[in-house]
Amino acid sequence: MAKPLIQMALDSLDFDQTVGLATLVAPHVDIFEIGTPCIKHNGINLVKELRARFPEKLLLVDLKTMDAGEYEATPFYAAGADICTVLGVSGLATCAGVIKAANAYGAEAQIDLINVDDKRACARATAEMGAHIMGIHTGLDAQAAGHTPFADLNDIAGLGLNVRISVAGGIKPSTVQDVVRAGANIIVVGAAIYGAASPADAAREIRELVDAV
């Protein structure tokens, strides 16, 4: 199995703070995620800025597309995104549009399974259509209610699909190795890094823990 990638969730609404945080943690992460509130607030210029500053990093734009998949995703791939997300609940036609746009740019489409009732069926169907990544995503509201991504991760990993699996949802140093062992290919970390006294040190700790598995 290839070494898992670490994805840093950039969730600030402030353009300069986002770029500054990315600069601090860049040595220790593989993917910069422009979070949904961040991309809604800052727009495509932030994609262009991060692409120019960090040409060696993968760049994910968390669009959470719900309709008009190809139309919405295309300009972000054109601006330098390596991955865009589409909601599994949007339906197969919308997912197919984002997959088509990704393929046109040699990029990847991630299906976000948040709030999908039958995650296995959605994962199977979108993988057959050519989706590249399945996102196991326990949102902030669900985390506050005590939910974790582990059960869903086990379910999707057990399908043996030809996709990478991304996991997000309150991952921290005490749980990150369990996520890796459960089969995650991409580990998304947000608050455990950006909420730390030293984000650079926190990112380094996560990197060391992941690499030690």
N, C-alpha and C. Protein backbone atom coordinates (compact mmCIF):
# COMPACT_ATOMS: atom_id res chain seq x y z
N MET A 1 0.83 -1.20 0.00
CA MET A 1 0.00 0.00 0.00
C MET A 1 0.87 1.25 0.00
N ALA A 2 0.53 2.22 -0.85
CA ALA A 2 1.28 3.47 -0.90
C ALA A 2 1.12 4.22 0.41
N LYS A 3 2.11 5.03 0.70
CA LYS A 3 2.07 5.82 1.92
C LYS A 3 0.84 6.72 1.91
N PRO A 4 0.05 6.73 2.98
CA PRO A 4 -1.12 7.62 3.02
C PRO A 4 -0.71 9.08 2.89
N LEU A 5 -1.58 9.83 2.25
CA LEU A 5 -1.36 11.26 2.08
C LEU A 5 -2.06 12.02 3.21
N ILE A 6 -1.47 13.13 3.60
CA ILE A 6 -2.08 13.99 4.62
C ILE A 6 -2.64 15.22 3.93
N GLN A 7 -3.91 15.46 4.18
CA GLN A 7 -4.62 16.60 3.58
C GLN A 7 -4.91 17.62 4.67
N MET A 8 -4.48 18.84 4.45
CA MET A 8 -4.69 19.92 5.41
C MET A 8 -5.92 20.72 5.01
N ALA A 9 -6.91 20.76 5.89
CA ALA A 9 -8.13 21.51 5.61
C ALA A 9 -7.92 22.97 5.98
N LEU A 10 -7.98 23.82 4.98
CA LEU A 10 -7.84 25.26 5.17
C LEU A 10 -9.24 25.86 5.24
N ASP A 11 -9.67 26.21 6.43
CA ASP A 11 -11.06 26.58 6.65
C ASP A 11 -11.28 28.05 6.99
N SER A 12 -10.21 28.82 7.10
CA SER A 12 -10.36 30.23 7.42
C SER A 12 -11.02 30.98 6.26
N LEU A 13 -11.79 32.01 6.58
CA LEU A 13 -12.37 32.85 5.54
C LEU A 13 -11.39 33.93 5.06
N ASP A 14 -10.32 34.13 5.81
CA ASP A 14 -9.37 35.19 5.49
C ASP A 14 -8.35 34.70 4.46
N PHE A 15 -8.25 35.39 3.35
CA PHE A 15 -7.36 35.00 2.25
C PHE A 15 -5.91 34.89 2.73
N ASP A 16 -5.40 35.94 3.37
CA ASP A 16 -4.00 35.97 3.77
C ASP A 16 -3.70 34.96 4.87
N GLN A 17 -4.64 34.78 5.81
CA GLN A 17 -4.44 33.76 6.85
C GLN A 17 -4.37 32.37 6.24
N THR A 18 -5.17 32.13 5.23
CA THR A 18 -5.17 30.82 4.57
C THR A 18 -3.81 30.56 3.91
N VAL A 19 -3.32 31.54 3.19
CA VAL A 19 -2.01 31.38 2.53
C VAL A 19 -0.91 31.24 3.58
N GLY A 20 -1.01 32.00 4.66
CA GLY A 20 0.00 31.92 5.71
C GLY A 20 0.03 30.57 6.40
N LEU A 21 -1.16 30.02 6.70
CA LEU A 21 -1.22 28.70 7.33
C LEU A 21 -0.67 27.64 6.39
N ALA A 22 -1.02 27.72 5.12
CA ALA A 22 -0.50 26.76 4.14
C ALA A 22 1.03 26.80 4.12
N THR A 23 1.59 27.98 4.20
CA THR A 23 3.04 28.12 4.18
C THR A 23 3.68 27.46 5.40
N LEU A 24 3.03 27.60 6.57
CA LEU A 24 3.57 27.02 7.79
C LEU A 24 3.61 25.50 7.75
N VAL A 25 2.57 24.88 7.21
CA VAL A 25 2.44 23.42 7.30
C VAL A 25 2.92 22.71 6.05
N ALA A 26 3.28 23.46 5.02
CA ALA A 26 3.63 22.86 3.72
C ALA A 26 4.67 21.73 3.80
N PRO A 27 5.70 21.83 4.65
CA PRO A 27 6.69 20.75 4.67
C PRO A 27 6.15 19.40 5.13
N HIS A 28 4.98 19.39 5.74
CA HIS A 28 4.51 18.17 6.39
C HIS A 28 3.23 17.58 5.80
N VAL A 29 2.65 18.24 4.81
CA VAL A 29 1.39 17.75 4.24
C VAL A 29 1.52 17.57 2.73
N ASP A 30 0.58 16.81 2.17
CA ASP A 30 0.64 16.49 0.74
C ASP A 30 -0.42 17.21 -0.08
N ILE A 31 -1.57 17.47 0.56
CA ILE A 31 -2.71 18.06 -0.14
C ILE A 31 -3.20 19.27 0.65
N PHE A 32 -3.40 20.37 -0.05
CA PHE A 32 -4.08 21.52 0.54
C PHE A 32 -5.54 21.47 0.11
N GLU A 33 -6.42 21.47 1.10
CA GLU A 33 -7.85 21.52 0.83
C GLU A 33 -8.36 22.93 1.09
N ILE A 34 -8.92 23.55 0.06
CA ILE A 34 -9.62 24.81 0.26
C ILE A 34 -11.03 24.44 0.67
N GLY A 35 -11.34 24.61 1.96
CA GLY A 35 -12.61 24.17 2.51
C GLY A 35 -13.79 24.91 1.89
N THR A 36 -14.96 24.35 2.07
CA THR A 36 -16.16 24.91 1.43
C THR A 36 -16.43 26.36 1.83
N PRO A 37 -16.47 26.72 3.12
CA PRO A 37 -16.66 28.13 3.45
C PRO A 37 -15.56 29.02 2.88
N CYS A 38 -14.34 28.49 2.86
CA CYS A 38 -13.19 29.26 2.38
C CYS A 38 -13.31 29.55 0.88
N ILE A 39 -13.68 28.55 0.09
CA ILE A 39 -13.78 28.76 -1.36
C ILE A 39 -15.00 29.62 -1.68
N LYS A 40 -16.08 29.48 -0.92
CA LYS A 40 -17.24 30.33 -1.16
C LYS A 40 -16.92 31.79 -0.89
N HIS A 41 -16.12 32.03 0.12
CA HIS A 41 -15.81 33.41 0.52
C HIS A 41 -14.75 34.04 -0.39
N ASN A 42 -13.74 33.25 -0.75
CA ASN A 42 -12.58 33.80 -1.45
C ASN A 42 -12.59 33.58 -2.96
N GLY A 43 -13.27 32.53 -3.40
CA GLY A 43 -13.39 32.31 -4.82
C GLY A 43 -12.14 31.75 -5.49
N ILE A 44 -12.19 31.77 -6.81
CA ILE A 44 -11.20 31.06 -7.62
C ILE A 44 -9.81 31.68 -7.53
N ASN A 45 -9.72 32.94 -7.13
CA ASN A 45 -8.40 33.57 -7.02
C ASN A 45 -7.53 32.90 -5.96
N LEU A 46 -8.16 32.34 -4.94
CA LEU A 46 -7.38 31.62 -3.93
C LEU A 46 -6.79 30.34 -4.52
N VAL A 47 -7.54 29.68 -5.37
CA VAL A 47 -7.02 28.49 -6.06
C VAL A 47 -5.78 28.88 -6.86
N LYS A 48 -5.87 29.95 -7.61
CA LYS A 48 -4.75 30.39 -8.44
C LYS A 48 -3.54 30.77 -7.60
N GLU A 49 -3.80 31.43 -6.46
CA GLU A 49 -2.70 31.84 -5.58
C GLU A 49 -1.97 30.63 -5.00
N LEU A 50 -2.72 29.66 -4.47
CA LEU A 50 -2.08 28.48 -3.90
C LEU A 50 -1.39 27.65 -4.97
N ARG A 51 -1.98 27.58 -6.15
CA ARG A 51 -1.34 26.83 -7.24
C ARG A 51 0.01 27.44 -7.60
N ALA A 52 0.06 28.76 -7.64
CA ALA A 52 1.30 29.45 -7.99
C ALA A 52 2.35 29.30 -6.89
N ARG A 53 1.92 29.35 -5.64
CA ARG A 53 2.87 29.29 -4.52
C ARG A 53 3.35 27.87 -4.23
N PHE A 54 2.50 26.88 -4.47
CA PHE A 54 2.82 25.51 -4.09
C PHE A 54 2.61 24.56 -5.27
N PRO A 55 3.42 24.69 -6.31
CA PRO A 55 3.21 23.87 -7.51
C PRO A 55 3.41 22.38 -7.26
N GLU A 56 4.11 22.04 -6.19
CA GLU A 56 4.40 20.63 -5.91
C GLU A 56 3.31 19.95 -5.08
N LYS A 57 2.37 20.71 -4.56
CA LYS A 57 1.32 20.14 -3.71
C LYS A 57 0.07 19.81 -4.52
N LEU A 58 -0.66 18.80 -4.08
CA LEU A 58 -1.98 18.57 -4.63
C LEU A 58 -2.94 19.59 -4.03
N LEU A 59 -3.88 20.04 -4.84
CA LEU A 59 -4.80 21.08 -4.40
C LEU A 59 -6.23 20.59 -4.60
N LEU A 60 -6.96 20.46 -3.47
CA LEU A 60 -8.35 20.03 -3.50
C LEU A 60 -9.26 21.22 -3.22
N VAL A 61 -10.26 21.39 -4.07
CA VAL A 61 -11.26 22.43 -3.86
C VAL A 61 -12.56 21.74 -3.43
N ASP A 62 -12.97 22.03 -2.20
CA ASP A 62 -14.12 21.33 -1.63
C ASP A 62 -15.42 22.03 -2.03
N LEU A 63 -15.76 21.88 -3.31
CA LEU A 63 -16.95 22.55 -3.85
C LEU A 63 -18.25 21.98 -3.29
N LYS A 64 -18.23 20.69 -2.94
CA LYS A 64 -19.46 20.01 -2.54
C LYS A 64 -20.58 20.27 -3.58
N THR A 65 -20.24 20.10 -4.83
CA THR A 65 -21.17 20.38 -5.92
C THR A 65 -22.46 19.57 -5.76
N MET A 66 -23.58 20.25 -5.99
CA MET A 66 -24.90 19.63 -5.83
C MET A 66 -25.68 19.59 -7.14
N ASP A 67 -25.23 20.36 -8.13
CA ASP A 67 -25.92 20.41 -9.41
C ASP A 67 -24.94 20.96 -10.45
N ALA A 68 -25.26 20.75 -11.73
CA ALA A 68 -24.45 21.30 -12.82
C ALA A 68 -22.98 20.93 -12.65
N GLY A 69 -22.73 19.64 -12.47
CA GLY A 69 -21.39 19.18 -12.09
C GLY A 69 -20.27 19.61 -13.01
N GLU A 70 -20.39 19.32 -14.29
CA GLU A 70 -19.32 19.67 -15.21
C GLU A 70 -19.13 21.19 -15.30
N TYR A 71 -20.23 21.90 -15.36
CA TYR A 71 -20.19 23.36 -15.51
C TYR A 71 -19.54 24.02 -14.29
N GLU A 72 -19.87 23.53 -13.10
CA GLU A 72 -19.33 24.14 -11.89
C GLU A 72 -17.86 23.79 -11.67
N ALA A 73 -17.49 22.54 -11.93
CA ALA A 73 -16.14 22.10 -11.61
C ALA A 73 -15.10 22.56 -12.63
N THR A 74 -15.49 22.69 -13.89
CA THR A 74 -14.51 22.96 -14.95
C THR A 74 -13.62 24.17 -14.68
N PRO A 75 -14.14 25.34 -14.29
CA PRO A 75 -13.24 26.48 -14.09
C PRO A 75 -12.24 26.27 -12.96
N PHE A 76 -12.58 25.45 -11.98
CA PHE A 76 -11.64 25.21 -10.87
C PHE A 76 -10.53 24.27 -11.30
N TYR A 77 -10.86 23.26 -12.10
CA TYR A 77 -9.79 22.43 -12.67
C TYR A 77 -8.90 23.28 -13.57
N ALA A 78 -9.51 24.15 -14.36
CA ALA A 78 -8.74 25.00 -15.25
C ALA A 78 -7.80 25.93 -14.48
N ALA A 79 -8.21 26.32 -13.26
CA ALA A 79 -7.40 27.22 -12.44
C ALA A 79 -6.28 26.50 -11.70
N GLY A 80 -6.27 25.16 -11.76
CA GLY A 80 -5.19 24.42 -11.13
C GLY A 80 -5.57 23.41 -10.08
N ALA A 81 -6.87 23.21 -9.85
CA ALA A 81 -7.27 22.20 -8.87
C ALA A 81 -6.91 20.81 -9.37
N ASP A 82 -6.40 19.99 -8.47
CA ASP A 82 -6.13 18.58 -8.78
C ASP A 82 -7.33 17.71 -8.46
N ILE A 83 -8.14 18.14 -7.49
CA ILE A 83 -9.31 17.38 -7.04
C ILE A 83 -10.43 18.36 -6.75
N CYS A 84 -11.64 18.03 -7.18
CA CYS A 84 -12.83 18.76 -6.76
C CYS A 84 -13.81 17.75 -6.17
N THR A 85 -14.63 18.21 -5.24
CA THR A 85 -15.58 17.31 -4.59
C THR A 85 -16.99 17.55 -5.10
N VAL A 86 -17.74 16.46 -5.16
CA VAL A 86 -19.16 16.50 -5.53
C VAL A 86 -19.91 15.66 -4.52
N LEU A 87 -21.08 16.12 -4.11
CA LEU A 87 -21.85 15.40 -3.12
C LEU A 87 -22.49 14.15 -3.72
N GLY A 88 -22.33 13.02 -3.03
CA GLY A 88 -22.98 11.81 -3.49
C GLY A 88 -24.48 11.94 -3.55
N VAL A 89 -25.06 12.76 -2.66
CA VAL A 89 -26.51 12.94 -2.66
C VAL A 89 -27.00 13.74 -3.86
N SER A 90 -26.09 14.31 -4.64
CA SER A 90 -26.49 15.09 -5.81
C SER A 90 -27.07 14.21 -6.91
N GLY A 91 -26.73 12.92 -6.88
CA GLY A 91 -27.21 12.01 -7.91
C GLY A 91 -26.13 11.68 -8.93
N LEU A 92 -26.34 10.62 -9.67
CA LEU A 92 -25.31 10.11 -10.56
C LEU A 92 -25.00 11.06 -11.72
N ALA A 93 -26.00 11.76 -12.22
CA ALA A 93 -25.75 12.65 -13.35
C ALA A 93 -24.79 13.78 -12.97
N THR A 94 -24.98 14.34 -11.79
CA THR A 94 -24.11 15.43 -11.34
C THR A 94 -22.71 14.90 -11.06
N CYS A 95 -22.62 13.75 -10.42
CA CYS A 95 -21.32 13.13 -10.18
C CYS A 95 -20.60 12.87 -11.50
N ALA A 96 -21.34 12.40 -12.49
CA ALA A 96 -20.74 12.11 -13.79
C ALA A 96 -20.17 13.37 -14.43
N GLY A 97 -20.84 14.50 -14.23
CA GLY A 97 -20.36 15.74 -14.79
C GLY A 97 -19.03 16.16 -14.21
N VAL A 98 -18.87 16.01 -12.90
CA VAL A 98 -17.59 16.36 -12.27
C VAL A 98 -16.51 15.39 -12.70
N ILE A 99 -16.84 14.13 -12.80
CA ILE A 99 -15.87 13.13 -13.28
C ILE A 99 -15.41 13.48 -14.70
N LYS A 100 -16.35 13.87 -15.55
CA LYS A 100 -16.00 14.25 -16.92
C LYS A 100 -15.06 15.45 -16.94
N ALA A 101 -15.36 16.45 -16.12
CA ALA A 101 -14.50 17.63 -16.05
C ALA A 101 -13.11 17.27 -15.54
N ALA A 102 -13.06 16.42 -14.53
CA ALA A 102 -11.76 15.99 -13.99
C ALA A 102 -10.94 15.30 -15.06
N ASN A 103 -11.55 14.39 -15.79
CA ASN A 103 -10.82 13.65 -16.81
C ASN A 103 -10.32 14.56 -17.92
N ALA A 104 -11.07 15.60 -18.22
CA ALA A 104 -10.66 16.54 -19.26
C ALA A 104 -9.38 17.27 -18.90
N TYR A 105 -9.10 17.38 -17.60
CA TYR A 105 -7.91 18.09 -17.14
C TYR A 105 -6.86 17.17 -16.51
N GLY A 106 -7.04 15.87 -16.67
CA GLY A 106 -6.10 14.93 -16.06
C GLY A 106 -6.10 15.02 -14.56
N ALA A 107 -7.26 15.35 -14.00
CA ALA A 107 -7.39 15.56 -12.56
C ALA A 107 -8.28 14.47 -11.96
N GLU A 108 -8.76 14.70 -10.73
CA GLU A 108 -9.54 13.68 -10.03
C GLU A 108 -10.83 14.26 -9.47
N ALA A 109 -11.85 13.41 -9.41
CA ALA A 109 -13.12 13.77 -8.80
C ALA A 109 -13.31 12.96 -7.53
N GLN A 110 -13.70 13.64 -6.47
CA GLN A 110 -13.95 12.97 -5.19
C GLN A 110 -15.44 13.03 -4.87
N ILE A 111 -16.00 11.86 -4.56
CA ILE A 111 -17.40 11.77 -4.17
C ILE A 111 -17.47 11.91 -2.65
N ASP A 112 -18.14 12.94 -2.19
CA ASP A 112 -18.32 13.17 -0.76
C ASP A 112 -19.58 12.43 -0.32
N LEU A 113 -19.41 11.44 0.54
CA LEU A 113 -20.51 10.58 0.96
C LEU A 113 -21.27 11.13 2.16
N ILE A 114 -21.02 12.37 2.55
CA ILE A 114 -21.72 12.96 3.68
C ILE A 114 -23.24 12.93 3.44
N ASN A 115 -23.96 12.42 4.43
CA ASN A 115 -25.43 12.36 4.43
C ASN A 115 -26.03 11.46 3.35
N VAL A 116 -25.20 10.65 2.70
CA VAL A 116 -25.73 9.63 1.78
C VAL A 116 -26.30 8.48 2.61
N ASP A 117 -27.52 8.08 2.35
CA ASP A 117 -28.15 7.02 3.14
C ASP A 117 -27.49 5.67 2.88
N ASP A 118 -27.33 5.30 1.62
CA ASP A 118 -26.70 4.02 1.27
C ASP A 118 -25.33 4.31 0.68
N LYS A 119 -24.37 4.45 1.56
CA LYS A 119 -23.02 4.84 1.13
C LYS A 119 -22.37 3.77 0.26
N ARG A 120 -22.62 2.52 0.55
CA ARG A 120 -22.02 1.45 -0.25
C ARG A 120 -22.53 1.50 -1.68
N ALA A 121 -23.84 1.65 -1.84
CA ALA A 121 -24.41 1.68 -3.19
C ALA A 121 -23.89 2.88 -3.97
N CYS A 122 -23.81 4.03 -3.32
CA CYS A 122 -23.32 5.23 -3.97
C CYS A 122 -21.85 5.07 -4.37
N ALA A 123 -21.07 4.50 -3.47
CA ALA A 123 -19.65 4.30 -3.76
C ALA A 123 -19.46 3.35 -4.94
N ARG A 124 -20.21 2.26 -4.94
CA ARG A 124 -20.11 1.31 -6.05
C ARG A 124 -20.48 1.96 -7.38
N ALA A 125 -21.60 2.67 -7.38
CA ALA A 125 -22.10 3.25 -8.63
C ALA A 125 -21.16 4.32 -9.17
N THR A 126 -20.67 5.18 -8.31
CA THR A 126 -19.80 6.26 -8.80
C THR A 126 -18.40 5.75 -9.14
N ALA A 127 -17.95 4.71 -8.46
CA ALA A 127 -16.67 4.09 -8.83
C ALA A 127 -16.77 3.49 -10.22
N GLU A 128 -17.89 2.85 -10.54
CA GLU A 128 -18.09 2.29 -11.87
C GLU A 128 -18.08 3.38 -12.94
N MET A 129 -18.52 4.59 -12.57
CA MET A 129 -18.54 5.71 -13.50
C MET A 129 -17.17 6.36 -13.67
N GLY A 130 -16.22 5.98 -12.82
CA GLY A 130 -14.87 6.52 -12.95
C GLY A 130 -14.43 7.48 -11.88
N ALA A 131 -15.19 7.58 -10.79
CA ALA A 131 -14.75 8.43 -9.69
C ALA A 131 -13.39 7.95 -9.18
N HIS A 132 -12.59 8.88 -8.73
CA HIS A 132 -11.22 8.56 -8.33
C HIS A 132 -11.05 8.39 -6.82
N ILE A 133 -11.84 9.13 -6.05
CA ILE A 133 -11.69 9.14 -4.60
C ILE A 133 -13.07 9.11 -3.95
N MET A 134 -13.20 8.31 -2.89
CA MET A 134 -14.41 8.31 -2.06
C MET A 134 -14.10 9.04 -0.76
N GLY A 135 -14.92 10.02 -0.45
CA GLY A 135 -14.71 10.79 0.76
C GLY A 135 -15.64 10.35 1.89
N ILE A 136 -15.06 9.76 2.92
CA ILE A 136 -15.81 9.44 4.13
C ILE A 136 -15.75 10.68 5.00
N HIS A 137 -16.89 11.28 5.22
CA HIS A 137 -16.89 12.63 5.80
C HIS A 137 -17.93 12.73 6.91
N THR A 138 -17.43 12.82 8.13
CA THR A 138 -18.30 13.11 9.26
C THR A 138 -18.24 14.62 9.51
N GLY A 139 -19.31 15.31 9.18
CA GLY A 139 -19.32 16.76 9.25
C GLY A 139 -19.27 17.30 10.67
N LEU A 140 -19.08 18.60 10.78
CA LEU A 140 -18.94 19.24 12.09
C LEU A 140 -20.18 19.04 12.95
N ASP A 141 -21.36 19.13 12.35
CA ASP A 141 -22.58 18.95 13.14
C ASP A 141 -22.69 17.52 13.66
N ALA A 142 -22.32 16.54 12.81
CA ALA A 142 -22.37 15.14 13.23
C ALA A 142 -21.32 14.86 14.30
N GLN A 143 -20.13 15.49 14.15
CA GLN A 143 -19.10 15.32 15.18
C GLN A 143 -19.60 15.83 16.53
N ALA A 144 -20.28 16.96 16.50
CA ALA A 144 -20.79 17.54 17.73
C ALA A 144 -21.81 16.63 18.41
N ALA A 145 -22.45 15.78 17.60
CA ALA A 145 -23.41 14.82 18.14
C ALA A 145 -22.76 13.51 18.54
N GLY A 146 -21.43 13.44 18.42
CA GLY A 146 -20.69 12.27 18.88
C GLY A 146 -20.36 11.24 17.83
N HIS A 147 -20.60 11.54 16.55
CA HIS A 147 -20.34 10.57 15.50
C HIS A 147 -18.87 10.61 15.06
N THR A 148 -18.37 9.48 14.58
CA THR A 148 -17.01 9.37 14.05
C THR A 148 -17.08 8.70 12.68
N PRO A 149 -15.99 8.79 11.88
CA PRO A 149 -16.03 8.20 10.54
C PRO A 149 -15.66 6.73 10.48
N PHE A 150 -15.38 6.08 11.59
CA PHE A 150 -14.78 4.75 11.54
C PHE A 150 -15.69 3.67 10.94
N ALA A 151 -16.96 3.66 11.30
CA ALA A 151 -17.86 2.63 10.77
C ALA A 151 -17.99 2.74 9.26
N ASP A 152 -18.16 3.98 8.78
CA ASP A 152 -18.28 4.19 7.34
C ASP A 152 -16.98 3.82 6.63
N LEU A 153 -15.85 4.15 7.23
CA LEU A 153 -14.57 3.80 6.64
C LEU A 153 -14.44 2.29 6.47
N ASN A 154 -14.80 1.55 7.50
CA ASN A 154 -14.72 0.09 7.42
C ASN A 154 -15.64 -0.45 6.33
N ASP A 155 -16.83 0.12 6.20
CA ASP A 155 -17.78 -0.32 5.18
C ASP A 155 -17.23 -0.11 3.78
N ILE A 156 -16.73 1.09 3.51
CA ILE A 156 -16.27 1.41 2.15
C ILE A 156 -14.96 0.71 1.83
N ALA A 157 -14.06 0.64 2.80
CA ALA A 157 -12.79 -0.07 2.55
C ALA A 157 -13.06 -1.54 2.24
N GLY A 158 -14.10 -2.11 2.85
CA GLY A 158 -14.41 -3.51 2.64
C GLY A 158 -14.96 -3.83 1.27
N LEU A 159 -15.33 -2.81 0.49
CA LEU A 159 -15.87 -3.04 -0.84
C LEU A 159 -14.79 -3.39 -1.86
N GLY A 160 -13.55 -3.01 -1.58
CA GLY A 160 -12.46 -3.32 -2.49
C GLY A 160 -12.54 -2.59 -3.82
N LEU A 161 -13.06 -1.39 -3.81
CA LEU A 161 -13.20 -0.62 -5.06
C LEU A 161 -11.84 -0.08 -5.51
N ASN A 162 -11.75 0.18 -6.80
CA ASN A 162 -10.50 0.71 -7.37
C ASN A 162 -10.49 2.23 -7.25
N VAL A 163 -10.54 2.70 -6.01
CA VAL A 163 -10.51 4.13 -5.71
C VAL A 163 -9.67 4.33 -4.46
N ARG A 164 -9.25 5.58 -4.27
CA ARG A 164 -8.64 5.93 -3.00
C ARG A 164 -9.74 6.37 -2.03
N ILE A 165 -9.48 6.19 -0.75
CA ILE A 165 -10.46 6.55 0.27
C ILE A 165 -9.89 7.67 1.13
N SER A 166 -10.66 8.75 1.19
CA SER A 166 -10.31 9.89 2.00
C SER A 166 -11.21 9.91 3.24
N VAL A 167 -10.62 10.25 4.38
CA VAL A 167 -11.38 10.25 5.62
C VAL A 167 -11.21 11.59 6.33
N ALA A 168 -12.36 12.19 6.68
CA ALA A 168 -12.36 13.47 7.39
C ALA A 168 -13.38 13.42 8.51
N GLY A 169 -13.04 14.06 9.61
CA GLY A 169 -14.01 14.12 10.71
C GLY A 169 -13.38 14.05 12.07
N GLY A 170 -12.79 15.14 12.50
CA GLY A 170 -12.24 15.21 13.85
C GLY A 170 -11.00 14.37 14.08
N ILE A 171 -10.24 14.10 13.03
CA ILE A 171 -9.03 13.27 13.19
C ILE A 171 -7.96 14.07 13.93
N LYS A 172 -7.33 13.39 14.89
CA LYS A 172 -6.32 14.03 15.73
C LYS A 172 -5.20 13.04 16.01
N PRO A 173 -4.14 13.47 16.70
CA PRO A 173 -3.01 12.56 16.92
C PRO A 173 -3.39 11.23 17.55
N SER A 174 -4.36 11.23 18.44
CA SER A 174 -4.71 9.98 19.14
C SER A 174 -5.49 9.01 18.26
N THR A 175 -6.02 9.47 17.14
CA THR A 175 -6.84 8.59 16.28
C THR A 175 -6.26 8.38 14.90
N VAL A 176 -5.26 9.16 14.51
CA VAL A 176 -4.82 9.13 13.11
C VAL A 176 -4.25 7.77 12.70
N GLN A 177 -3.54 7.10 13.60
CA GLN A 177 -2.99 5.80 13.23
C GLN A 177 -4.09 4.75 13.06
N ASP A 178 -5.16 4.85 13.83
CA ASP A 178 -6.30 3.94 13.66
C ASP A 178 -6.94 4.13 12.29
N VAL A 179 -7.01 5.37 11.84
CA VAL A 179 -7.58 5.67 10.53
C VAL A 179 -6.72 5.05 9.42
N VAL A 180 -5.42 5.17 9.55
CA VAL A 180 -4.51 4.58 8.57
C VAL A 180 -4.67 3.06 8.54
N ARG A 181 -4.69 2.45 9.71
CA ARG A 181 -4.80 0.98 9.79
C ARG A 181 -6.14 0.49 9.24
N ALA A 182 -7.17 1.32 9.32
CA ALA A 182 -8.48 0.93 8.83
C ALA A 182 -8.62 1.02 7.32
N GLY A 183 -7.59 1.56 6.66
CA GLY A 183 -7.60 1.53 5.20
C GLY A 183 -7.69 2.87 4.50
N ALA A 184 -7.53 3.97 5.22
CA ALA A 184 -7.60 5.28 4.57
C ALA A 184 -6.34 5.54 3.74
N ASN A 185 -6.54 6.10 2.57
CA ASN A 185 -5.42 6.50 1.71
C ASN A 185 -5.09 7.98 1.86
N ILE A 186 -6.11 8.77 2.24
CA ILE A 186 -5.94 10.20 2.44
C ILE A 186 -6.55 10.55 3.80
N ILE A 187 -5.75 11.17 4.66
CA ILE A 187 -6.20 11.53 5.99
C ILE A 187 -6.34 13.04 6.06
N VAL A 188 -7.56 13.49 6.31
CA VAL A 188 -7.84 14.92 6.33
C VAL A 188 -7.79 15.42 7.77
N VAL A 189 -6.94 16.41 8.01
CA VAL A 189 -6.80 16.98 9.35
C VAL A 189 -7.03 18.48 9.25
N GLY A 190 -7.84 18.98 10.15
CA GLY A 190 -8.11 20.42 10.16
C GLY A 190 -7.80 21.03 11.50
N ALA A 191 -8.79 21.01 12.41
CA ALA A 191 -8.67 21.70 13.69
C ALA A 191 -7.50 21.22 14.52
N ALA A 192 -7.14 19.95 14.41
CA ALA A 192 -6.01 19.43 15.20
C ALA A 192 -4.70 20.11 14.82
N ILE A 193 -4.67 20.69 13.62
CA ILE A 193 -3.48 21.43 13.19
C ILE A 193 -3.70 22.93 13.33
N TYR A 194 -4.75 23.46 12.71
CA TYR A 194 -4.89 24.92 12.71
C TYR A 194 -5.31 25.46 14.07
N GLY A 195 -5.83 24.60 14.94
CA GLY A 195 -6.19 25.04 16.28
C GLY A 195 -5.09 24.88 17.30
N ALA A 196 -3.95 24.33 16.87
CA ALA A 196 -2.83 24.10 17.79
C ALA A 196 -2.04 25.38 18.03
N ALA A 197 -1.31 25.41 19.14
CA ALA A 197 -0.48 26.58 19.44
C ALA A 197 0.56 26.78 18.35
N SER A 198 1.08 25.67 17.83
CA SER A 198 2.03 25.73 16.72
C SER A 198 1.53 24.81 15.62
N PRO A 199 0.86 25.34 14.61
CA PRO A 199 0.37 24.49 13.53
C PRO A 199 1.47 23.70 12.84
N ALA A 200 2.65 24.28 12.70
CA ALA A 200 3.75 23.57 12.06
C ALA A 200 4.15 22.34 12.87
N ASP A 201 4.25 22.50 14.19
CA ASP A 201 4.61 21.36 15.04
C ASP A 201 3.51 20.30 15.03
N ALA A 202 2.26 20.74 15.04
CA ALA A 202 1.14 19.79 15.01
C ALA A 202 1.13 19.01 13.70
N ALA A 203 1.39 19.68 12.60
CA ALA A 203 1.45 19.00 11.31
C ALA A 203 2.60 18.01 11.26
N ARG A 204 3.71 18.40 11.84
CA ARG A 204 4.87 17.49 11.88
C ARG A 204 4.54 16.24 12.70
N GLU A 205 3.85 16.41 13.82
CA GLU A 205 3.48 15.27 14.65
C GLU A 205 2.56 14.31 13.89
N ILE A 206 1.56 14.86 13.19
CA ILE A 206 0.66 14.01 12.40
C ILE A 206 1.44 13.25 11.33
N ARG A 207 2.36 13.95 10.65
CA ARG A 207 3.19 13.30 9.62
C ARG A 207 3.99 12.15 10.20
N GLU A 208 4.60 12.36 11.33
CA GLU A 208 5.42 11.32 11.95
C GLU A 208 4.57 10.13 12.38
N LEU A 209 3.38 10.40 12.89
CA LEU A 209 2.49 9.31 13.32
C LEU A 209 2.02 8.49 12.11
N VAL A 210 1.67 9.16 11.03
CA VAL A 210 1.22 8.46 9.82
C VAL A 210 2.36 7.62 9.24
N ASP A 211 3.54 8.20 9.17
CA ASP A 211 4.68 7.50 8.58
C ASP A 211 5.14 6.32 9.42
N ALA A 212 4.79 6.33 10.71
CA ALA A 212 5.23 5.26 11.61
C ALA A 212 4.36 4.01 11.53
N VAL A 213 3.21 4.10 10.88
CA VAL A 213 2.30 2.94 10.81
C VAL A 213 2.85 1.91 9.85
